[in-house]
Amino acid sequence: MIARIWHGKTKASDADAYLEYLFKSGIPDYRATTGNRGAWVLRRINGDTAHFITLTFWESRDAIVAFAGADIEVAKYYPEDEKYLMEFEPTVTHYELFQ
């Protein structure tokens, strides 16, 4: 199994709106992709900035390709992300998961 981790930042004042947007855009997209084994959002507010992590689990690299495209290291963004995100981190991180 593979864990895929994305990080993004918004203004703290946009944190609730962005969280709601994530659960209408990215999270359903992750969960609808064959081979996805779960999708979670982590949020931490630090002063005027809200940090978001999406943590998703995938059964294989091919499952991630079906979601993200051939270069799985490239971050995937959605149309309204521009409205909220302070910057667009170009990549995500993957880890092999062991039990």
PDB file of N, CA and C in Angstrom:
ATOM      1  N   MET A   1       0.850  -1.176   0.000  1.00  0.00           N
ATOM      2  CA  MET A   1       0.000   0.000   0.000  1.00  0.00           C
ATOM      3  C   MET A   1       0.895   1.238   0.000  1.00  0.00           C
ATOM      4  N   ILE A   2       0.367   2.312  -0.561  1.00  0.00           N
ATOM      5  CA  ILE A   2       1.114   3.565  -0.668  1.00  0.00           C
ATOM      6  C   ILE A   2       0.301   4.699  -0.049  1.00  0.00           C
ATOM      7  N   ALA A   3       0.960   5.513   0.766  1.00  0.00           N
ATOM      8  CA  ALA A   3       0.353   6.724   1.325  1.00  0.00           C
ATOM      9  C   ALA A   3       0.776   7.900   0.454  1.00  0.00           C
ATOM     10  N   ARG A   4      -0.187   8.760   0.143  1.00  0.00           N
ATOM     11  CA  ARG A   4       0.070   9.975  -0.649  1.00  0.00           C
ATOM     12  C   ARG A   4      -0.276  11.163   0.230  1.00  0.00           C
ATOM     13  N   ILE A   5       0.652  12.111   0.367  1.00  0.00           N
ATOM     14  CA  ILE A   5       0.472  13.241   1.269  1.00  0.00           C
ATOM     15  C   ILE A   5       0.638  14.541   0.492  1.00  0.00           C
ATOM     16  N   TRP A   6      -0.383  15.382   0.607  1.00  0.00           N
ATOM     17  CA  TRP A   6      -0.359  16.711  -0.002  1.00  0.00           C
ATOM     18  C   TRP A   6      -0.490  17.745   1.106  1.00  0.00           C
ATOM     19  N   HIS A   7       0.179  18.889   0.941  1.00  0.00           N
ATOM     20  CA  HIS A   7       0.107  19.988   1.908  1.00  0.00           C
ATOM     21  C   HIS A   7      -0.304  21.265   1.194  1.00  0.00           C
ATOM     22  N   GLY A   8      -1.187  22.024   1.836  1.00  0.00           N
ATOM     23  CA  GLY A   8      -1.575  23.324   1.329  1.00  0.00           C
ATOM     24  C   GLY A   8      -1.828  24.284   2.474  1.00  0.00           C
ATOM     25  N   LYS A   9      -1.809  25.590   2.169  1.00  0.00           N
ATOM     26  CA  LYS A   9      -2.022  26.620   3.189  1.00  0.00           C
ATOM     27  C   LYS A   9      -3.073  27.612   2.710  1.00  0.00           C
ATOM     28  N   THR A  10      -3.926  28.028   3.656  1.00  0.00           N
ATOM     29  CA  THR A  10      -4.882  29.106   3.412  1.00  0.00           C
ATOM     30  C   THR A  10      -4.748  30.123   4.531  1.00  0.00           C
ATOM     31  N   LYS A  11      -5.411  31.245   4.373  1.00  0.00           N
ATOM     32  CA  LYS A  11      -5.548  32.166   5.496  1.00  0.00           C
ATOM     33  C   LYS A  11      -6.409  31.467   6.548  1.00  0.00           C
ATOM     34  N   ALA A  12      -6.116  31.713   7.807  1.00  0.00           N
ATOM     35  CA  ALA A  12      -6.915  31.108   8.877  1.00  0.00           C
ATOM     36  C   ALA A  12      -8.387  31.483   8.726  1.00  0.00           C
ATOM     37  N   SER A  13      -8.658  32.676   8.256  1.00  0.00           N
ATOM     38  CA  SER A  13     -10.041  33.126   8.085  1.00  0.00           C
ATOM     39  C   SER A  13     -10.779  32.342   6.989  1.00  0.00           C
ATOM     40  N   ASP A  14     -10.039  31.658   6.103  1.00  0.00           N
ATOM     41  CA  ASP A  14     -10.645  30.842   5.044  1.00  0.00           C
ATOM     42  C   ASP A  14     -10.678  29.352   5.386  1.00  0.00           C
ATOM     43  N   ALA A  15     -10.209  28.986   6.566  1.00  0.00           N
ATOM     44  CA  ALA A  15     -10.022  27.574   6.908  1.00  0.00           C
ATOM     45  C   ALA A  15     -11.313  26.767   6.843  1.00  0.00           C
ATOM     46  N   ASP A  16     -12.382  27.265   7.417  1.00  0.00           N
ATOM     47  CA  ASP A  16     -13.635  26.506   7.407  1.00  0.00           C
ATOM     48  C   ASP A  16     -14.203  26.389   5.996  1.00  0.00           C
ATOM     49  N   ALA A  17     -14.146  27.460   5.233  1.00  0.00           N
ATOM     50  CA  ALA A  17     -14.662  27.427   3.856  1.00  0.00           C
ATOM     51  C   ALA A  17     -13.841  26.471   3.004  1.00  0.00           C
ATOM     52  N   TYR A  18     -12.525  26.468   3.178  1.00  0.00           N
ATOM     53  CA  TYR A  18     -11.695  25.569   2.380  1.00  0.00           C
ATOM     54  C   TYR A  18     -11.930  24.117   2.773  1.00  0.00           C
ATOM     55  N   LEU A  19     -12.081  23.858   4.060  1.00  0.00           N
ATOM     56  CA  LEU A  19     -12.373  22.494   4.506  1.00  0.00           C
ATOM     57  C   LEU A  19     -13.665  21.994   3.864  1.00  0.00           C
ATOM     58  N   GLU A  20     -14.676  22.826   3.843  1.00  0.00           N
ATOM     59  CA  GLU A  20     -15.942  22.462   3.209  1.00  0.00           C
ATOM     60  C   GLU A  20     -15.732  22.198   1.713  1.00  0.00           C
ATOM     61  N   TYR A  21     -14.945  23.043   1.073  1.00  0.00           N
ATOM     62  CA  TYR A  21     -14.652  22.868  -0.346  1.00  0.00           C
ATOM     63  C   TYR A  21     -13.912  21.550  -0.603  1.00  0.00           C
ATOM     64  N   LEU A  22     -12.937  21.206   0.249  1.00  0.00           N
ATOM     65  CA  LEU A  22     -12.218  19.937   0.096  1.00  0.00           C
ATOM     66  C   LEU A  22     -13.174  18.751   0.103  1.00  0.00           C
ATOM     67  N   PHE A  23     -14.174  18.811   0.972  1.00  0.00           N
ATOM     68  CA  PHE A  23     -15.112  17.702   1.085  1.00  0.00           C
ATOM     69  C   PHE A  23     -16.159  17.703  -0.030  1.00  0.00           C
ATOM     70  N   LYS A  24     -16.118  18.715  -0.890  1.00  0.00           N
ATOM     71  CA  LYS A  24     -16.980  18.730  -2.071  1.00  0.00           C
ATOM     72  C   LYS A  24     -16.194  18.466  -3.351  1.00  0.00           C
ATOM     73  N   SER A  25     -14.879  18.563  -3.299  1.00  0.00           N
ATOM     74  CA  SER A  25     -14.061  18.437  -4.506  1.00  0.00           C
ATOM     75  C   SER A  25     -13.080  17.277  -4.394  1.00  0.00           C
ATOM     76  N   GLY A  26     -11.950  17.518  -3.790  1.00  0.00           N
ATOM     77  CA  GLY A  26     -10.865  16.536  -3.762  1.00  0.00           C
ATOM     78  C   GLY A  26     -11.182  15.239  -3.048  1.00  0.00           C
ATOM     79  N   ILE A  27     -11.773  15.314  -1.876  1.00  0.00           N
ATOM     80  CA  ILE A  27     -12.019  14.092  -1.105  1.00  0.00           C
ATOM     81  C   ILE A  27     -12.959  13.138  -1.845  1.00  0.00           C
ATOM     82  N   PRO A  28     -14.086  13.595  -2.391  1.00  0.00           N
ATOM     83  CA  PRO A  28     -14.913  12.664  -3.168  1.00  0.00           C
ATOM     84  C   PRO A  28     -14.184  12.108  -4.404  1.00  0.00           C
ATOM     85  N   ASP A  29     -13.334  12.925  -5.017  1.00  0.00           N
ATOM     86  CA  ASP A  29     -12.563  12.485  -6.175  1.00  0.00           C
ATOM     87  C   ASP A  29     -11.595  11.372  -5.781  1.00  0.00           C
ATOM     88  N   TYR A  30     -10.871  11.569  -4.681  1.00  0.00           N
ATOM     89  CA  TYR A  30      -9.987  10.511  -4.174  1.00  0.00           C
ATOM     90  C   TYR A  30     -10.782   9.227  -3.955  1.00  0.00           C
ATOM     91  N   ARG A  31     -11.841   9.336  -3.171  1.00  0.00           N
ATOM     92  CA  ARG A  31     -12.602   8.157  -2.744  1.00  0.00           C
ATOM     93  C   ARG A  31     -13.287   7.434  -3.895  1.00  0.00           C
ATOM     94  N   ALA A  32     -13.585   8.137  -4.981  1.00  0.00           N
ATOM     95  CA  ALA A  32     -14.254   7.525  -6.132  1.00  0.00           C
ATOM     96  C   ALA A  32     -13.284   6.788  -7.058  1.00  0.00           C
ATOM     97  N   THR A  33     -11.997   6.963  -6.851  1.00  0.00           N
ATOM     98  CA  THR A  33     -10.996   6.348  -7.720  1.00  0.00           C
ATOM     99  C   THR A  33     -10.758   4.910  -7.293  1.00  0.00           C
ATOM    100  N   THR A  34     -10.876   3.996  -8.238  1.00  0.00           N
ATOM    101  CA  THR A  34     -10.612   2.585  -7.957  1.00  0.00           C
ATOM    102  C   THR A  34      -9.196   2.429  -7.404  1.00  0.00           C
ATOM    103  N   GLY A  35      -9.085   1.714  -6.309  1.00  0.00           N
ATOM    104  CA  GLY A  35      -7.790   1.492  -5.684  1.00  0.00           C
ATOM    105  C   GLY A  35      -7.503   2.421  -4.525  1.00  0.00           C
ATOM    106  N   ASN A  36      -8.368   3.415  -4.301  1.00  0.00           N
ATOM    107  CA  ASN A  36      -8.214   4.274  -3.127  1.00  0.00           C
ATOM    108  C   ASN A  36      -8.697   3.500  -1.913  1.00  0.00           C
ATOM    109  N   ARG A  37      -7.935   3.552  -0.852  1.00  0.00           N
ATOM    110  CA  ARG A  37      -8.264   2.821   0.372  1.00  0.00           C
ATOM    111  C   ARG A  37      -8.576   3.747   1.537  1.00  0.00           C
ATOM    112  N   GLY A  38      -8.789   5.016   1.252  1.00  0.00           N
ATOM    113  CA  GLY A  38      -9.172   5.962   2.296  1.00  0.00           C
ATOM    114  C   GLY A  38      -8.578   7.332   2.048  1.00  0.00           C
ATOM    115  N   ALA A  39      -9.321   8.352   2.497  1.00  0.00           N
ATOM    116  CA  ALA A  39      -8.873   9.733   2.329  1.00  0.00           C
ATOM    117  C   ALA A  39      -9.274  10.536   3.561  1.00  0.00           C
ATOM    118  N   TRP A  40      -8.313  11.239   4.131  1.00  0.00           N
ATOM    119  CA  TRP A  40      -8.528  12.047   5.325  1.00  0.00           C
ATOM    120  C   TRP A  40      -7.945  13.433   5.138  1.00  0.00           C
ATOM    121  N   VAL A  41      -8.474  14.375   5.900  1.00  0.00           N
ATOM    122  CA  VAL A  41      -7.950  15.736   5.907  1.00  0.00           C
ATOM    123  C   VAL A  41      -7.486  16.053   7.323  1.00  0.00           C
ATOM    124  N   LEU A  42      -6.284  16.589   7.425  1.00  0.00           N
ATOM    125  CA  LEU A  42      -5.742  17.091   8.684  1.00  0.00           C
ATOM    126  C   LEU A  42      -5.652  18.603   8.557  1.00  0.00           C
ATOM    127  N   ARG A  43      -5.977  19.311   9.632  1.00  0.00           N
ATOM    128  CA  ARG A  43      -5.894  20.777   9.603  1.00  0.00           C
ATOM    129  C   ARG A  43      -5.249  21.267  10.888  1.00  0.00           C
ATOM    130  N   ARG A  44      -4.378  22.261  10.734  1.00  0.00           N
ATOM    131  CA  ARG A  44      -3.735  22.895  11.883  1.00  0.00           C
ATOM    132  C   ARG A  44      -3.713  24.394  11.626  1.00  0.00           C
ATOM    133  N   ILE A  45      -4.260  25.153  12.551  1.00  0.00           N
ATOM    134  CA  ILE A  45      -4.231  26.609  12.417  1.00  0.00           C
ATOM    135  C   ILE A  45      -3.095  27.131  13.281  1.00  0.00           C
ATOM    136  N   ASN A  46      -2.240  27.919  12.632  1.00  0.00           N
ATOM    137  CA  ASN A  46      -1.071  28.482  13.299  1.00  0.00           C
ATOM    138  C   ASN A  46      -1.079  29.983  13.016  1.00  0.00           C
ATOM    139  N   GLY A  47      -1.577  30.754  13.972  1.00  0.00           N
ATOM    140  CA  GLY A  47      -1.666  32.195  13.771  1.00  0.00           C
ATOM    141  C   GLY A  47      -2.657  32.519  12.673  1.00  0.00           C
ATOM    142  N   ASP A  48      -2.189  33.235  11.653  1.00  0.00           N
ATOM    143  CA  ASP A  48      -3.042  33.654  10.541  1.00  0.00           C
ATOM    144  C   ASP A  48      -3.089  32.642   9.398  1.00  0.00           C
ATOM    145  N   THR A  49      -2.428  31.498   9.570  1.00  0.00           N
ATOM    146  CA  THR A  49      -2.327  30.507   8.503  1.00  0.00           C
ATOM    147  C   THR A  49      -2.937  29.179   8.929  1.00  0.00           C
ATOM    148  N   ALA A  50      -3.698  28.580   8.022  1.00  0.00           N
ATOM    149  CA  ALA A  50      -4.232  27.234   8.242  1.00  0.00           C
ATOM    150  C   ALA A  50      -3.490  26.275   7.309  1.00  0.00           C
ATOM    151  N   HIS A  51      -2.949  25.225   7.887  1.00  0.00           N
ATOM    152  CA  HIS A  51      -2.251  24.195   7.123  1.00  0.00           C
ATOM    153  C   HIS A  51      -3.193  23.016   6.941  1.00  0.00           C
ATOM    154  N   PHE A  52      -3.226  22.504   5.731  1.00  0.00           N
ATOM    155  CA  PHE A  52      -4.045  21.337   5.411  1.00  0.00           C
ATOM    156  C   PHE A  52      -3.151  20.233   4.875  1.00  0.00           C
ATOM    157  N   ILE A  53      -3.419  19.024   5.319  1.00  0.00           N
ATOM    158  CA  ILE A  53      -2.771  17.833   4.785  1.00  0.00           C
ATOM    159  C   ILE A  53      -3.886  16.917   4.295  1.00  0.00           C
ATOM    160  N   THR A  54      -3.764  16.425   3.072  1.00  0.00           N
ATOM    161  CA  THR A  54      -4.619  15.314   2.687  1.00  0.00           C
ATOM    162  C   THR A  54      -3.751  14.069   2.751  1.00  0.00           C
ATOM    163  N   LEU A  55      -4.265  13.075   3.427  1.00  0.00           N
ATOM    164  CA  LEU A  55      -3.589  11.796   3.609  1.00  0.00           C
ATOM    165  C   LEU A  55      -4.461  10.735   2.978  1.00  0.00           C
ATOM    166  N   THR A  56      -3.951  10.135   1.914  1.00  0.00           N
ATOM    167  CA  THR A  56      -4.720   9.125   1.204  1.00  0.00           C
ATOM    168  C   THR A  56      -3.902   7.847   1.104  1.00  0.00           C
ATOM    169  N   PHE A  57      -4.615   6.743   1.008  1.00  0.00           N
ATOM    170  CA  PHE A  57      -3.974   5.435   0.905  1.00  0.00           C
ATOM    171  C   PHE A  57      -4.434   4.759  -0.380  1.00  0.00           C
ATOM    172  N   TRP A  58      -3.473   4.109  -1.050  1.00  0.00           N
ATOM    173  CA  TRP A  58      -3.706   3.535  -2.372  1.00  0.00           C
ATOM    174  C   TRP A  58      -3.176   2.114  -2.423  1.00  0.00           C
ATOM    175  N   GLU A  59      -3.886   1.265  -3.151  1.00  0.00           N
ATOM    176  CA  GLU A  59      -3.458  -0.132  -3.230  1.00  0.00           C
ATOM    177  C   GLU A  59      -2.243  -0.320  -4.125  1.00  0.00           C
ATOM    178  N   SER A  60      -1.998   0.626  -5.063  1.00  0.00           N
ATOM    179  CA  SER A  60      -0.865   0.465  -5.981  1.00  0.00           C
ATOM    180  C   SER A  60      -0.511   1.800  -6.635  1.00  0.00           C
ATOM    181  N   ARG A  61       0.634   1.810  -7.280  1.00  0.00           N
ATOM    182  CA  ARG A  61       1.045   2.978  -8.062  1.00  0.00           C
ATOM    183  C   ARG A  61       0.053   3.212  -9.203  1.00  0.00           C
ATOM    184  N   ASP A  62      -0.413   2.140  -9.821  1.00  0.00           N
ATOM    185  CA  ASP A  62      -1.375   2.270 -10.919  1.00  0.00           C
ATOM    186  C   ASP A  62      -2.660   2.957 -10.463  1.00  0.00           C
ATOM    187  N   ALA A  63      -3.082   2.703  -9.247  1.00  0.00           N
ATOM    188  CA  ALA A  63      -4.275   3.365  -8.713  1.00  0.00           C
ATOM    189  C   ALA A  63      -4.033   4.867  -8.589  1.00  0.00           C
ATOM    190  N   ILE A  64      -2.829   5.248  -8.169  1.00  0.00           N
ATOM    191  CA  ILE A  64      -2.501   6.674  -8.060  1.00  0.00           C
ATOM    192  C   ILE A  64      -2.459   7.309  -9.448  1.00  0.00           C
ATOM    193  N   VAL A  65      -1.909   6.587 -10.417  1.00  0.00           N
ATOM    194  CA  VAL A  65      -1.875   7.095 -11.800  1.00  0.00           C
ATOM    195  C   VAL A  65      -3.298   7.373 -12.285  1.00  0.00           C
ATOM    196  N   ALA A  66      -4.233   6.500 -11.953  1.00  0.00           N
ATOM    197  CA  ALA A  66      -5.625   6.701 -12.371  1.00  0.00           C
ATOM    198  C   ALA A  66      -6.204   7.987 -11.777  1.00  0.00           C
ATOM    199  N   PHE A  67      -5.738   8.364 -10.595  1.00  0.00           N
ATOM    200  CA  PHE A  67      -6.202   9.587  -9.952  1.00  0.00           C
ATOM    201  C   PHE A  67      -5.428  10.821 -10.426  1.00  0.00           C
ATOM    202  N   ALA A  68      -4.095  10.723 -10.427  1.00  0.00           N
ATOM    203  CA  ALA A  68      -3.237  11.904 -10.569  1.00  0.00           C
ATOM    204  C   ALA A  68      -2.601  12.077 -11.941  1.00  0.00           C
ATOM    205  N   GLY A  69      -2.595  11.034 -12.752  1.00  0.00           N
ATOM    206  CA  GLY A  69      -1.902  11.098 -14.033  1.00  0.00           C
ATOM    207  C   GLY A  69      -0.568  10.374 -13.971  1.00  0.00           C
ATOM    208  N   ALA A  70       0.111  10.336 -15.102  1.00  0.00           N
ATOM    209  CA  ALA A  70       1.330   9.536 -15.232  1.00  0.00           C
ATOM    210  C   ALA A  70       2.437   9.939 -14.263  1.00  0.00           C
ATOM    211  N   ASP A  71       2.608  11.223 -14.014  1.00  0.00           N
ATOM    212  CA  ASP A  71       3.630  11.682 -13.065  1.00  0.00           C
ATOM    213  C   ASP A  71       2.959  11.856 -11.709  1.00  0.00           C
ATOM    214  N   ILE A  72       3.008  10.809 -10.917  1.00  0.00           N
ATOM    215  CA  ILE A  72       2.268  10.820  -9.646  1.00  0.00           C
ATOM    216  C   ILE A  72       2.854  11.776  -8.615  1.00  0.00           C
ATOM    217  N   GLU A  73       4.029  12.303  -8.860  1.00  0.00           N
ATOM    218  CA  GLU A  73       4.644  13.251  -7.923  1.00  0.00           C
ATOM    219  C   GLU A  73       4.041  14.649  -8.043  1.00  0.00           C
ATOM    220  N   VAL A  74       3.356  14.928  -9.147  1.00  0.00           N
ATOM    221  CA  VAL A  74       2.773  16.251  -9.374  1.00  0.00           C
ATOM    222  C   VAL A  74       1.474  16.383  -8.581  1.00  0.00           C
ATOM    223  N   ALA A  75       1.341  17.478  -7.856  1.00  0.00           N
ATOM    224  CA  ALA A  75       0.131  17.747  -7.077  1.00  0.00           C
ATOM    225  C   ALA A  75      -1.043  17.998  -8.009  1.00  0.00           C
ATOM    226  N   LYS A  76      -2.229  17.547  -7.601  1.00  0.00           N
ATOM    227  CA  LYS A  76      -3.448  17.761  -8.384  1.00  0.00           C
ATOM    228  C   LYS A  76      -4.266  18.852  -7.701  1.00  0.00           C
ATOM    229  N   TYR A  77      -4.690  19.833  -8.479  1.00  0.00           N
ATOM    230  CA  TYR A  77      -5.481  20.933  -7.937  1.00  0.00           C
ATOM    231  C   TYR A  77      -6.836  21.009  -8.628  1.00  0.00           C
ATOM    232  N   TYR A  78      -7.749  21.727  -7.990  1.00  0.00           N
ATOM    233  CA  TYR A  78      -9.125  21.862  -8.456  1.00  0.00           C
ATOM    234  C   TYR A  78      -9.425  23.336  -8.731  1.00  0.00           C
ATOM    235  N   PRO A  79     -10.458  23.606  -9.542  1.00  0.00           N
ATOM    236  CA  PRO A  79     -10.707  24.981 -10.007  1.00  0.00           C
ATOM    237  C   PRO A  79     -10.753  26.054  -8.920  1.00  0.00           C
ATOM    238  N   GLU A  80     -11.433  25.813  -7.833  1.00  0.00           N
ATOM    239  CA  GLU A  80     -11.577  26.861  -6.821  1.00  0.00           C
ATOM    240  C   GLU A  80     -10.419  26.927  -5.828  1.00  0.00           C
ATOM    241  N   ASP A  81      -9.406  26.060  -5.989  1.00  0.00           N
ATOM    242  CA  ASP A  81      -8.241  26.147  -5.107  1.00  0.00           C
ATOM    243  C   ASP A  81      -7.607  27.532  -5.169  1.00  0.00           C
ATOM    244  N   GLU A  82      -7.644  28.159  -6.337  1.00  0.00           N
ATOM    245  CA  GLU A  82      -7.061  29.502  -6.486  1.00  0.00           C
ATOM    246  C   GLU A  82      -7.721  30.514  -5.550  1.00  0.00           C
ATOM    247  N   LYS A  83      -8.970  30.284  -5.246  1.00  0.00           N
ATOM    248  CA  LYS A  83      -9.720  31.187  -4.371  1.00  0.00           C
ATOM    249  C   LYS A  83      -9.205  31.141  -2.926  1.00  0.00           C
ATOM    250  N   TYR A  84      -8.632  30.002  -2.530  1.00  0.00           N
ATOM    251  CA  TYR A  84      -8.270  29.795  -1.128  1.00  0.00           C
ATOM    252  C   TYR A  84      -6.770  29.665  -0.855  1.00  0.00           C
ATOM    253  N   LEU A  85      -6.072  28.929  -1.687  1.00  0.00           N
ATOM    254  CA  LEU A  85      -4.684  28.571  -1.363  1.00  0.00           C
ATOM    255  C   LEU A  85      -3.734  29.750  -1.488  1.00  0.00           C
ATOM    256  N   MET A  86      -2.791  29.828  -0.556  1.00  0.00           N
ATOM    257  CA  MET A  86      -1.806  30.893  -0.540  1.00  0.00           C
ATOM    258  C   MET A  86      -0.677  30.630  -1.546  1.00  0.00           C
ATOM    259  N   GLU A  87      -0.453  29.371  -1.863  1.00  0.00           N
ATOM    260  CA  GLU A  87       0.561  28.985  -2.841  1.00  0.00           C
ATOM    261  C   GLU A  87       0.195  27.596  -3.348  1.00  0.00           C
ATOM    262  N   PHE A  88       0.811  27.215  -4.455  1.00  0.00           N
ATOM    263  CA  PHE A  88       0.554  25.901  -5.034  1.00  0.00           C
ATOM    264  C   PHE A  88       1.837  25.083  -4.981  1.00  0.00           C
ATOM    265  N   GLU A  89       1.911  24.222  -3.999  1.00  0.00           N
ATOM    266  CA  GLU A  89       3.086  23.360  -3.903  1.00  0.00           C
ATOM    267  C   GLU A  89       3.053  22.415  -5.101  1.00  0.00           C
ATOM    268  N   PRO A  90       4.159  22.299  -5.816  1.00  0.00           N
ATOM    269  CA  PRO A  90       4.134  21.552  -7.078  1.00  0.00           C
ATOM    270  C   PRO A  90       4.069  20.030  -6.931  1.00  0.00           C
ATOM    271  N   THR A  91       4.503  19.519  -5.796  1.00  0.00           N
ATOM    272  CA  THR A  91       4.593  18.067  -5.662  1.00  0.00           C
ATOM    273  C   THR A  91       3.918  17.567  -4.387  1.00  0.00           C
ATOM    274  N   VAL A  92       3.712  16.265  -4.369  1.00  0.00           N
ATOM    275  CA  VAL A  92       3.212  15.558  -3.192  1.00  0.00           C
ATOM    276  C   VAL A  92       4.289  14.564  -2.776  1.00  0.00           C
ATOM    277  N   THR A  93       4.075  13.898  -1.647  1.00  0.00           N
ATOM    278  CA  THR A  93       5.029  12.913  -1.147  1.00  0.00           C
ATOM    279  C   THR A  93       4.346  11.559  -1.038  1.00  0.00           C
ATOM    280  N   HIS A  94       5.079  10.509  -1.381  1.00  0.00           N
ATOM    281  CA  HIS A  94       4.548   9.148  -1.266  1.00  0.00           C
ATOM    282  C   HIS A  94       5.432   8.333  -0.327  1.00  0.00           C
ATOM    283  N   TYR A  95       4.788   7.470   0.422  1.00  0.00           N
ATOM    284  CA  TYR A  95       5.472   6.553   1.332  1.00  0.00           C
ATOM    285  C   TYR A  95       4.893   5.160   1.154  1.00  0.00           C
ATOM    286  N   GLU A  96       5.733   4.153   1.206  1.00  0.00           N
ATOM    287  CA  GLU A  96       5.239   2.788   1.263  1.00  0.00           C
ATOM    288  C   GLU A  96       4.723   2.550   2.676  1.00  0.00           C
ATOM    289  N   LEU A  97       3.642   1.813   2.771  1.00  0.00           N
ATOM    290  CA  LEU A  97       3.026   1.547   4.063  1.00  0.00           C
ATOM    291  C   LEU A  97       3.238   0.081   4.424  1.00  0.00           C
ATOM    292  N   PHE A  98       3.712  -0.154   5.651  1.00  0.00           N
ATOM    293  CA  PHE A  98       3.970  -1.511   6.129  1.00  0.00           C
ATOM    294  C   PHE A  98       3.210  -1.741   7.427  1.00  0.00           C
ATOM    295  N   GLN A  99       2.771  -2.962   7.625  1.00  0.00           N
ATOM    296  CA  GLN A  99       2.087  -3.318   8.882  1.00  0.00           C
ATOM    297  C   GLN A  99       2.899  -4.361   9.617  1.00  0.00           C
TER     298      GLN A  99
END
